[in-house]
């Protein structure tokens, strides 16, 4: 007799989870949506009653369908569908109309598009900031490397080139005429050949590469992303301690 009770108890425990799964909120939600999308216009009572009948028809003899629990879950599902605008009330009666998922996506697509455009704009700004950061980091590292080299060589401090400056470069056989104003604030130059203007930043980078063994990749914002944790002071210090340094 004890063995029989044990078997019945095990059988009851094994079927309880199946019963709960068939009447879970997720299962009821799928059944409600499946039922409503085929009927298009219906009401709460019709959907709840039909779901209870379907559960009873598919249940085994010993399984029990909790009608109150099912109706409560159907009511919860209706509230969620109303909030998402998947269903709506028909104005002239107590029925509800199935709008569908495509309708919801269409209504929310402008907001989604605006968010995507905002993300793209922010991404472009971040990329621009990274390029600016990389350029300034290179400029600082170049100055630091050149200063360390000059201190190590003991160069005369009187031979200084003030910053900022530009270099005008032309062909070796070009004729150049320069006129400097009285107050030395203006220079007019005429060249017989094409001329290239070199800014101090690029010149210092070339000097650092040629005489200070400093190198870095060109035009790579991913390098700037990797270098964000390294401060300019750390970059300059690392180049001063090592004969050959790579700034990334």
C-alpha atoms as a PDB file:
ATOM      1  CA  UNK A   1       0.000   0.000   0.000  1.00  0.00           C
ATOM      2  CA  UNK A   2       2.870   2.347   0.860  1.00  0.00           C
ATOM      3  CA  UNK A   3       4.467   1.607  -2.514  1.00  0.00           C
ATOM      4  CA  UNK A   4       1.249   2.488  -4.323  1.00  0.00           C
ATOM      5  CA  UNK A   5       1.001   5.844  -2.543  1.00  0.00           C
ATOM      6  CA  UNK A   6       4.610   6.550  -3.438  1.00  0.00           C
ATOM      7  CA  UNK A   7       3.989   5.798  -7.108  1.00  0.00           C
ATOM      8  CA  UNK A   8       0.887   7.992  -7.133  1.00  0.00           C
ATOM      9  CA  UNK A   9       2.854  10.782  -5.436  1.00  0.00           C
ATOM     10  CA  UNK A  10       5.670  10.500  -8.018  1.00  0.00           C
ATOM     11  CA  UNK A  11       3.119  10.515 -10.838  1.00  0.00           C
ATOM     12  CA  UNK A  12       1.481  13.640  -9.410  1.00  0.00           C
ATOM     13  CA  UNK A  13       4.837  15.434  -9.087  1.00  0.00           C
ATOM     14  CA  UNK A  14       5.861  14.527 -12.624  1.00  0.00           C
ATOM     15  CA  UNK A  15       2.640  15.901 -14.140  1.00  0.00           C
ATOM     16  CA  UNK A  16       2.506  19.093 -12.077  1.00  0.00           C
ATOM     17  CA  UNK A  17       5.247  20.873 -14.016  1.00  0.00           C
ATOM     18  CA  UNK A  18       3.594  19.969 -17.335  1.00  0.00           C
ATOM     19  CA  UNK A  19       0.338  21.390 -16.103  1.00  0.00           C
ATOM     20  CA  UNK A  20       1.986  24.616 -14.978  1.00  0.00           C
ATOM     21  CA  UNK A  21       3.889  24.952 -18.266  1.00  0.00           C
ATOM     22  CA  UNK A  22       0.731  24.641 -20.376  1.00  0.00           C
ATOM     23  CA  UNK A  23      -0.973  27.354 -18.303  1.00  0.00           C
ATOM     24  CA  UNK A  24       2.052  29.645 -17.840  1.00  0.00           C
ATOM     25  CA  UNK A  25       1.894  33.306 -18.805  1.00  0.00           C
ATOM     26  CA  UNK A  26       4.202  32.755 -21.751  1.00  0.00           C
ATOM     27  CA  UNK A  27       2.106  29.882 -23.083  1.00  0.00           C
ATOM     28  CA  UNK A  28      -1.138  31.796 -22.557  1.00  0.00           C
ATOM     29  CA  UNK A  29       0.362  34.841 -24.308  1.00  0.00           C
ATOM     30  CA  UNK A  30       1.242  32.818 -27.385  1.00  0.00           C
ATOM     31  CA  UNK A  31      -2.216  31.248 -27.471  1.00  0.00           C
ATOM     32  CA  UNK A  32      -3.954  34.624 -27.096  1.00  0.00           C
ATOM     33  CA  UNK A  33      -1.946  36.191 -29.927  1.00  0.00           C
ATOM     34  CA  UNK A  34      -2.468  33.165 -32.145  1.00  0.00           C
ATOM     35  CA  UNK A  35      -6.200  33.209 -31.507  1.00  0.00           C
ATOM     36  CA  UNK A  36      -6.662  36.958 -31.946  1.00  0.00           C
ATOM     37  CA  UNK A  37      -4.615  37.385 -35.109  1.00  0.00           C
ATOM     38  CA  UNK A  38      -6.905  34.912 -36.895  1.00  0.00           C
ATOM     39  CA  UNK A  39     -10.161  36.445 -35.642  1.00  0.00           C
ATOM     40  CA  UNK A  40      -9.061  40.100 -36.075  1.00  0.00           C
ATOM     41  CA  UNK A  41     -12.118  41.369 -34.111  1.00  0.00           C
ATOM     42  CA  UNK A  42     -13.151  39.575 -30.930  1.00  0.00           C
ATOM     43  CA  UNK A  43     -13.554  40.198 -27.191  1.00  0.00           C
ATOM     44  CA  UNK A  44     -12.010  39.138 -23.902  1.00  0.00           C
ATOM     45  CA  UNK A  45     -14.671  36.595 -22.900  1.00  0.00           C
ATOM     46  CA  UNK A  46     -14.607  34.831 -26.263  1.00  0.00           C
ATOM     47  CA  UNK A  47     -10.822  34.497 -26.222  1.00  0.00           C
ATOM     48  CA  UNK A  48     -10.666  33.331 -22.588  1.00  0.00           C
ATOM     49  CA  UNK A  49     -13.468  30.777 -23.073  1.00  0.00           C
ATOM     50  CA  UNK A  50     -11.906  29.399 -26.234  1.00  0.00           C
ATOM     51  CA  UNK A  51      -8.511  29.038 -24.552  1.00  0.00           C
ATOM     52  CA  UNK A  52     -10.042  27.218 -21.566  1.00  0.00           C
ATOM     53  CA  UNK A  53     -11.824  24.782 -23.901  1.00  0.00           C
ATOM     54  CA  UNK A  54      -8.604  24.187 -25.855  1.00  0.00           C
ATOM     55  CA  UNK A  55      -6.668  23.512 -22.638  1.00  0.00           C
ATOM     56  CA  UNK A  56      -9.329  21.096 -21.384  1.00  0.00           C
ATOM     57  CA  UNK A  57      -9.429  19.278 -24.704  1.00  0.00           C
ATOM     58  CA  UNK A  58      -5.669  18.789 -24.710  1.00  0.00           C
ATOM     59  CA  UNK A  59      -5.350  17.952 -21.006  1.00  0.00           C
ATOM     60  CA  UNK A  60      -5.137  14.434 -19.697  1.00  0.00           C
ATOM     61  CA  UNK A  61      -7.879  13.020 -17.512  1.00  0.00           C
ATOM     62  CA  UNK A  62      -6.086  13.733 -14.223  1.00  0.00           C
ATOM     63  CA  UNK A  63      -4.908  17.217 -15.224  1.00  0.00           C
ATOM     64  CA  UNK A  64      -6.902  20.151 -13.932  1.00  0.00           C
ATOM     65  CA  UNK A  65      -7.421  23.437 -15.779  1.00  0.00           C
ATOM     66  CA  UNK A  66      -7.643  26.375 -13.393  1.00  0.00           C
ATOM     67  CA  UNK A  67     -10.264  28.504 -15.138  1.00  0.00           C
ATOM     68  CA  UNK A  68      -9.818  31.540 -12.867  1.00  0.00           C
ATOM     69  CA  UNK A  69      -6.050  31.498 -13.334  1.00  0.00           C
ATOM     70  CA  UNK A  70      -6.388  31.228 -17.103  1.00  0.00           C
ATOM     71  CA  UNK A  71      -8.865  34.116 -17.285  1.00  0.00           C
ATOM     72  CA  UNK A  72      -6.587  36.234 -15.072  1.00  0.00           C
ATOM     73  CA  UNK A  73      -3.624  35.558 -17.327  1.00  0.00           C
ATOM     74  CA  UNK A  74      -5.648  36.353 -20.442  1.00  0.00           C
ATOM     75  CA  UNK A  75      -6.638  39.636 -18.799  1.00  0.00           C
ATOM     76  CA  UNK A  76      -2.960  40.437 -18.112  1.00  0.00           C
ATOM     77  CA  UNK A  77      -2.038  39.620 -21.705  1.00  0.00           C
ATOM     78  CA  UNK A  78      -4.802  41.914 -22.980  1.00  0.00           C
ATOM     79  CA  UNK A  79      -3.464  44.785 -20.882  1.00  0.00           C
ATOM     80  CA  UNK A  80       0.048  44.336 -22.278  1.00  0.00           C
ATOM     81  CA  UNK A  81      -1.244  44.172 -25.858  1.00  0.00           C
ATOM     82  CA  UNK A  82      -3.293  47.330 -25.264  1.00  0.00           C
ATOM     83  CA  UNK A  83      -0.207  49.128 -23.914  1.00  0.00           C
ATOM     84  CA  UNK A  84       1.858  48.104 -26.952  1.00  0.00           C
ATOM     85  CA  UNK A  85      -0.960  49.148 -29.312  1.00  0.00           C
ATOM     86  CA  UNK A  86      -1.045  45.645 -30.777  1.00  0.00           C
ATOM     87  CA  UNK A  87      -4.778  45.563 -30.076  1.00  0.00           C
ATOM     88  CA  UNK A  88      -7.276  48.386 -29.598  1.00  0.00           C
ATOM     89  CA  UNK A  89     -10.858  48.769 -28.455  1.00  0.00           C
ATOM     90  CA  UNK A  90     -13.593  49.073 -31.046  1.00  0.00           C
ATOM     91  CA  UNK A  91     -15.452  52.347 -30.272  1.00  0.00           C
ATOM     92  CA  UNK A  92     -19.013  51.131 -30.874  1.00  0.00           C
ATOM     93  CA  UNK A  93     -18.941  47.957 -28.751  1.00  0.00           C
ATOM     94  CA  UNK A  94     -16.843  45.991 -26.239  1.00  0.00           C
ATOM     95  CA  UNK A  95     -14.861  44.151 -28.896  1.00  0.00           C
ATOM     96  CA  UNK A  96     -11.178  44.592 -29.604  1.00  0.00           C
ATOM     97  CA  UNK A  97      -9.396  44.822 -32.944  1.00  0.00           C
ATOM     98  CA  UNK A  98      -6.085  43.125 -33.757  1.00  0.00           C
ATOM     99  CA  UNK A  99      -3.629  45.687 -35.195  1.00  0.00           C
ATOM    100  CA  UNK A 100      -0.650  43.386 -35.499  1.00  0.00           C
ATOM    101  CA  UNK A 101       3.080  43.772 -34.952  1.00  0.00           C
ATOM    102  CA  UNK A 102       3.835  45.527 -38.231  1.00  0.00           C
ATOM    103  CA  UNK A 103       1.606  48.375 -37.161  1.00  0.00           C
ATOM    104  CA  UNK A 104       3.634  48.810 -33.954  1.00  0.00           C
ATOM    105  CA  UNK A 105       6.961  48.837 -35.800  1.00  0.00           C
ATOM    106  CA  UNK A 106       5.634  51.370 -38.282  1.00  0.00           C
ATOM    107  CA  UNK A 107       4.488  53.719 -35.558  1.00  0.00           C
ATOM    108  CA  UNK A 108       7.802  53.555 -33.742  1.00  0.00           C
ATOM    109  CA  UNK A 109      10.086  53.627 -36.779  1.00  0.00           C
ATOM    110  CA  UNK A 110      10.523  57.452 -36.787  1.00  0.00           C
ATOM    111  CA  UNK A 111      11.799  57.361 -33.204  1.00  0.00           C
ATOM    112  CA  UNK A 112      14.111  54.500 -34.059  1.00  0.00           C
ATOM    113  CA  UNK A 113      15.420  56.351 -37.100  1.00  0.00           C
ATOM    114  CA  UNK A 114      16.072  59.482 -35.038  1.00  0.00           C
ATOM    115  CA  UNK A 115      17.979  57.439 -32.464  1.00  0.00           C
ATOM    116  CA  UNK A 116      20.066  55.816 -35.202  1.00  0.00           C
ATOM    117  CA  UNK A 117      20.861  59.210 -36.733  1.00  0.00           C
ATOM    118  CA  UNK A 118      21.822  60.553 -33.312  1.00  0.00           C
ATOM    119  CA  UNK A 119      24.104  57.567 -32.714  1.00  0.00           C
ATOM    120  CA  UNK A 120      25.759  58.081 -36.102  1.00  0.00           C
ATOM    121  CA  UNK A 121      26.288  61.783 -35.352  1.00  0.00           C
ATOM    122  CA  UNK A 122      27.796  60.980 -31.951  1.00  0.00           C
ATOM    123  CA  UNK A 123      30.022  58.355 -33.530  1.00  0.00           C
ATOM    124  CA  UNK A 124      31.272  60.905 -36.083  1.00  0.00           C
ATOM    125  CA  UNK A 125      32.006  63.406 -33.296  1.00  0.00           C
ATOM    126  CA  UNK A 126      33.933  60.777 -31.336  1.00  0.00           C
ATOM    127  CA  UNK A 127      35.990  59.904 -34.417  1.00  0.00           C
ATOM    128  CA  UNK A 128      36.763  63.596 -34.965  1.00  0.00           C
ATOM    129  CA  UNK A 129      37.816  63.997 -31.316  1.00  0.00           C
ATOM    130  CA  UNK A 130      40.051  60.951 -31.602  1.00  0.00           C
ATOM    131  CA  UNK A 131      41.765  62.341 -34.693  1.00  0.00           C
ATOM    132  CA  UNK A 132      42.312  65.657 -32.910  1.00  0.00           C
ATOM    133  CA  UNK A 133      43.668  63.844 -29.863  1.00  0.00           C
ATOM    134  CA  UNK A 134      46.058  61.800 -31.992  1.00  0.00           C
ATOM    135  CA  UNK A 135      47.358  64.913 -33.778  1.00  0.00           C
ATOM    136  CA  UNK A 136      47.965  66.756 -30.509  1.00  0.00           C
ATOM    137  CA  UNK A 137      49.598  63.722 -28.963  1.00  0.00           C
ATOM    138  CA  UNK A 138      51.994  63.477 -31.903  1.00  0.00           C
ATOM    139  CA  UNK A 139      52.817  67.184 -31.685  1.00  0.00           C
ATOM    140  CA  UNK A 140      53.555  66.975 -27.954  1.00  0.00           C
ATOM    141  CA  UNK A 141      55.638  63.833 -28.348  1.00  0.00           C
ATOM    142  CA  UNK A 142      57.654  65.466 -31.147  1.00  0.00           C
ATOM    143  CA  UNK A 143      58.414  68.534 -29.053  1.00  0.00           C
ATOM    144  CA  UNK A 144      59.350  66.425 -26.032  1.00  0.00           C
ATOM    145  CA  UNK A 145      61.646  64.171 -28.050  1.00  0.00           C
ATOM    146  CA  UNK A 146      63.430  67.116 -29.702  1.00  0.00           C
ATOM    147  CA  UNK A 147      63.878  68.923 -26.366  1.00  0.00           C
ATOM    148  CA  UNK A 148      65.356  65.787 -24.791  1.00  0.00           C
ATOM    149  CA  UNK A 149      67.729  65.412 -27.757  1.00  0.00           C
ATOM    150  CA  UNK A 150      68.865  69.046 -27.528  1.00  0.00           C
ATOM    151  CA  UNK A 151      69.449  68.794 -23.782  1.00  0.00           C
ATOM    152  CA  UNK A 152      71.452  65.606 -24.246  1.00  0.00           C
ATOM    153  CA  UNK A 153      73.646  67.233 -26.931  1.00  0.00           C
ATOM    154  CA  UNK A 154      74.067  70.459 -24.947  1.00  0.00           C
ATOM    155  CA  UNK A 155      73.006  72.696 -27.842  1.00  0.00           C
ATOM    156  CA  UNK A 156      73.362  76.446 -27.437  1.00  0.00           C
ATOM    157  CA  UNK A 157      70.124  77.852 -26.086  1.00  0.00           C
ATOM    158  CA  UNK A 158      70.618  81.022 -28.161  1.00  0.00           C
ATOM    159  CA  UNK A 159      70.025  79.098 -31.412  1.00  0.00           C
ATOM    160  CA  UNK A 160      66.289  78.921 -31.033  1.00  0.00           C
ATOM    161  CA  UNK A 161      63.520  78.965 -33.593  1.00  0.00           C
ATOM    162  CA  UNK A 162      60.387  80.486 -32.056  1.00  0.00           C
ATOM    163  CA  UNK A 163      57.052  78.744 -32.430  1.00  0.00           C
ATOM    164  CA  UNK A 164      54.893  78.812 -34.402  1.00  0.00           C
ATOM    165  CA  UNK A 165      56.610  78.978 -37.808  1.00  0.00           C
ATOM    166  CA  UNK A 166      56.113  77.927 -41.409  1.00  0.00           C
ATOM    167  CA  UNK A 167      58.581  76.817 -44.068  1.00  0.00           C
ATOM    168  CA  UNK A 168      58.073  77.695 -47.703  1.00  0.00           C
ATOM    169  CA  UNK A 169      59.663  75.046 -49.906  1.00  0.00           C
ATOM    170  CA  UNK A 170      60.265  75.322 -53.628  1.00  0.00           C
ATOM    171  CA  UNK A 171      62.588  73.966 -56.298  1.00  0.00           C
ATOM    172  CA  UNK A 172      66.346  74.398 -55.815  1.00  0.00           C
ATOM    173  CA  UNK A 173      66.689  76.552 -58.938  1.00  0.00           C
ATOM    174  CA  UNK A 174      63.629  78.693 -58.222  1.00  0.00           C
ATOM    175  CA  UNK A 175      63.955  82.460 -57.951  1.00  0.00           C
ATOM    176  CA  UNK A 176      62.598  83.815 -54.657  1.00  0.00           C
ATOM    177  CA  UNK A 177      62.034  87.445 -53.809  1.00  0.00           C
ATOM    178  CA  UNK A 178      61.066  88.425 -50.264  1.00  0.00           C
ATOM    179  CA  UNK A 179      60.120  91.805 -48.844  1.00  0.00           C
ATOM    180  CA  UNK A 180      59.911  92.236 -45.085  1.00  0.00           C
ATOM    181  CA  UNK A 181      57.947  95.082 -43.559  1.00  0.00           C
ATOM    182  CA  UNK A 182      59.667  97.633 -41.332  1.00  0.00           C
ATOM    183  CA  UNK A 183      58.102  96.262 -38.154  1.00  0.00           C
ATOM    184  CA  UNK A 184      58.879  92.659 -39.256  1.00  0.00           C
ATOM    185  CA  UNK A 185      55.242  91.624 -39.005  1.00  0.00           C
ATOM    186  CA  UNK A 186      54.699  90.959 -42.714  1.00  0.00           C
ATOM    187  CA  UNK A 187      56.641  89.112 -45.394  1.00  0.00           C
ATOM    188  CA  UNK A 188      55.747  89.202 -49.093  1.00  0.00           C
ATOM    189  CA  UNK A 189      57.288  86.414 -51.167  1.00  0.00           C
ATOM    190  CA  UNK A 190      57.302  85.751 -54.894  1.00  0.00           C
ATOM    191  CA  UNK A 191      58.383  82.424 -56.357  1.00  0.00           C
ATOM    192  CA  UNK A 192      59.216  81.557 -59.936  1.00  0.00           C
ATOM    193  CA  UNK A 193      58.130  77.962 -59.316  1.00  0.00           C
ATOM    194  CA  UNK A 194      55.489  76.153 -57.342  1.00  0.00           C
ATOM    195  CA  UNK A 195      55.783  76.399 -53.573  1.00  0.00           C
ATOM    196  CA  UNK A 196      54.805  74.130 -50.705  1.00  0.00           C
ATOM    197  CA  UNK A 197      53.884  75.472 -47.271  1.00  0.00           C
ATOM    198  CA  UNK A 198      55.055  73.307 -44.367  1.00  0.00           C
ATOM    199  CA  UNK A 199      53.588  74.009 -40.945  1.00  0.00           C
ATOM    200  CA  UNK A 200      55.678  73.709 -37.797  1.00  0.00           C
ATOM    201  CA  UNK A 201      53.720  70.693 -36.572  1.00  0.00           C
ATOM    202  CA  UNK A 202      54.622  68.566 -39.609  1.00  0.00           C
ATOM    203  CA  UNK A 203      58.200  69.795 -39.593  1.00  0.00           C
ATOM    204  CA  UNK A 204      58.686  68.849 -35.949  1.00  0.00           C
ATOM    205  CA  UNK A 205      57.197  65.429 -36.597  1.00  0.00           C
ATOM    206  CA  UNK A 206      59.669  64.868 -39.442  1.00  0.00           C
ATOM    207  CA  UNK A 207      62.592  65.994 -37.251  1.00  0.00           C
ATOM    208  CA  UNK A 208      61.463  63.654 -34.459  1.00  0.00           C
ATOM    209  CA  UNK A 209      61.260  60.760 -36.913  1.00  0.00           C
ATOM    210  CA  UNK A 210      64.606  61.447 -38.548  1.00  0.00           C
ATOM    211  CA  UNK A 211      66.795  62.351 -35.571  1.00  0.00           C
ATOM    212  CA  UNK A 212      64.961  61.056 -32.487  1.00  0.00           C
ATOM    213  CA  UNK A 213      63.871  57.628 -33.773  1.00  0.00           C
ATOM    214  CA  UNK A 214      60.209  58.334 -33.037  1.00  0.00           C
ATOM    215  CA  UNK A 215      57.555  56.632 -35.171  1.00  0.00           C
ATOM    216  CA  UNK A 216      53.797  56.158 -35.186  1.00  0.00           C
ATOM    217  CA  UNK A 217      51.135  54.901 -37.620  1.00  0.00           C
ATOM    218  CA  UNK A 218      49.533  57.404 -39.977  1.00  0.00           C
ATOM    219  CA  UNK A 219      45.809  58.240 -40.026  1.00  0.00           C
ATOM    220  CA  UNK A 220      44.657  55.417 -37.781  1.00  0.00           C
ATOM    221  CA  UNK A 221      41.979  56.423 -35.274  1.00  0.00           C
ATOM    222  CA  UNK A 222      42.058  52.939 -33.784  1.00  0.00           C
ATOM    223  CA  UNK A 223      45.598  53.754 -32.655  1.00  0.00           C
ATOM    224  CA  UNK A 224      44.221  56.799 -30.897  1.00  0.00           C
ATOM    225  CA  UNK A 225      41.626  54.633 -29.190  1.00  0.00           C
ATOM    226  CA  UNK A 226      44.349  52.324 -27.907  1.00  0.00           C
ATOM    227  CA  UNK A 227      46.444  55.281 -26.780  1.00  0.00           C
ATOM    228  CA  UNK A 228      43.721  57.001 -24.758  1.00  0.00           C
ATOM    229  CA  UNK A 229      44.897  55.503 -21.408  1.00  0.00           C
ATOM    230  CA  UNK A 230      48.452  56.841 -22.095  1.00  0.00           C
ATOM    231  CA  UNK A 231      48.890  60.517 -21.217  1.00  0.00           C
ATOM    232  CA  UNK A 232      51.148  62.782 -23.328  1.00  0.00           C
ATOM    233  CA  UNK A 233      53.571  63.006 -20.378  1.00  0.00           C
ATOM    234  CA  UNK A 234      53.863  59.233 -20.255  1.00  0.00           C
ATOM    235  CA  UNK A 235      54.407  59.073 -24.015  1.00  0.00           C
ATOM    236  CA  UNK A 236      57.161  61.686 -23.885  1.00  0.00           C
ATOM    237  CA  UNK A 237      58.804  60.054 -20.848  1.00  0.00           C
ATOM    238  CA  UNK A 238      58.826  56.632 -22.519  1.00  0.00           C
ATOM    239  CA  UNK A 239      60.507  58.105 -25.621  1.00  0.00           C
ATOM    240  CA  UNK A 240      63.099  59.915 -23.538  1.00  0.00           C
ATOM    241  CA  UNK A 241      64.189  56.702 -21.798  1.00  0.00           C
ATOM    242  CA  UNK A 242      64.441  54.533 -24.906  1.00  0.00           C
ATOM    243  CA  UNK A 243      66.506  55.139 -28.090  1.00  0.00           C
ATOM    244  CA  UNK A 244      63.656  53.934 -30.301  1.00  0.00           C
ATOM    245  CA  UNK A 245      59.985  54.322 -29.368  1.00  0.00           C
ATOM    246  CA  UNK A 246      56.720  53.678 -31.178  1.00  0.00           C
ATOM    247  CA  UNK A 247      53.761  55.872 -30.248  1.00  0.00           C
ATOM    248  CA  UNK A 248      50.414  54.119 -30.744  1.00  0.00           C
END
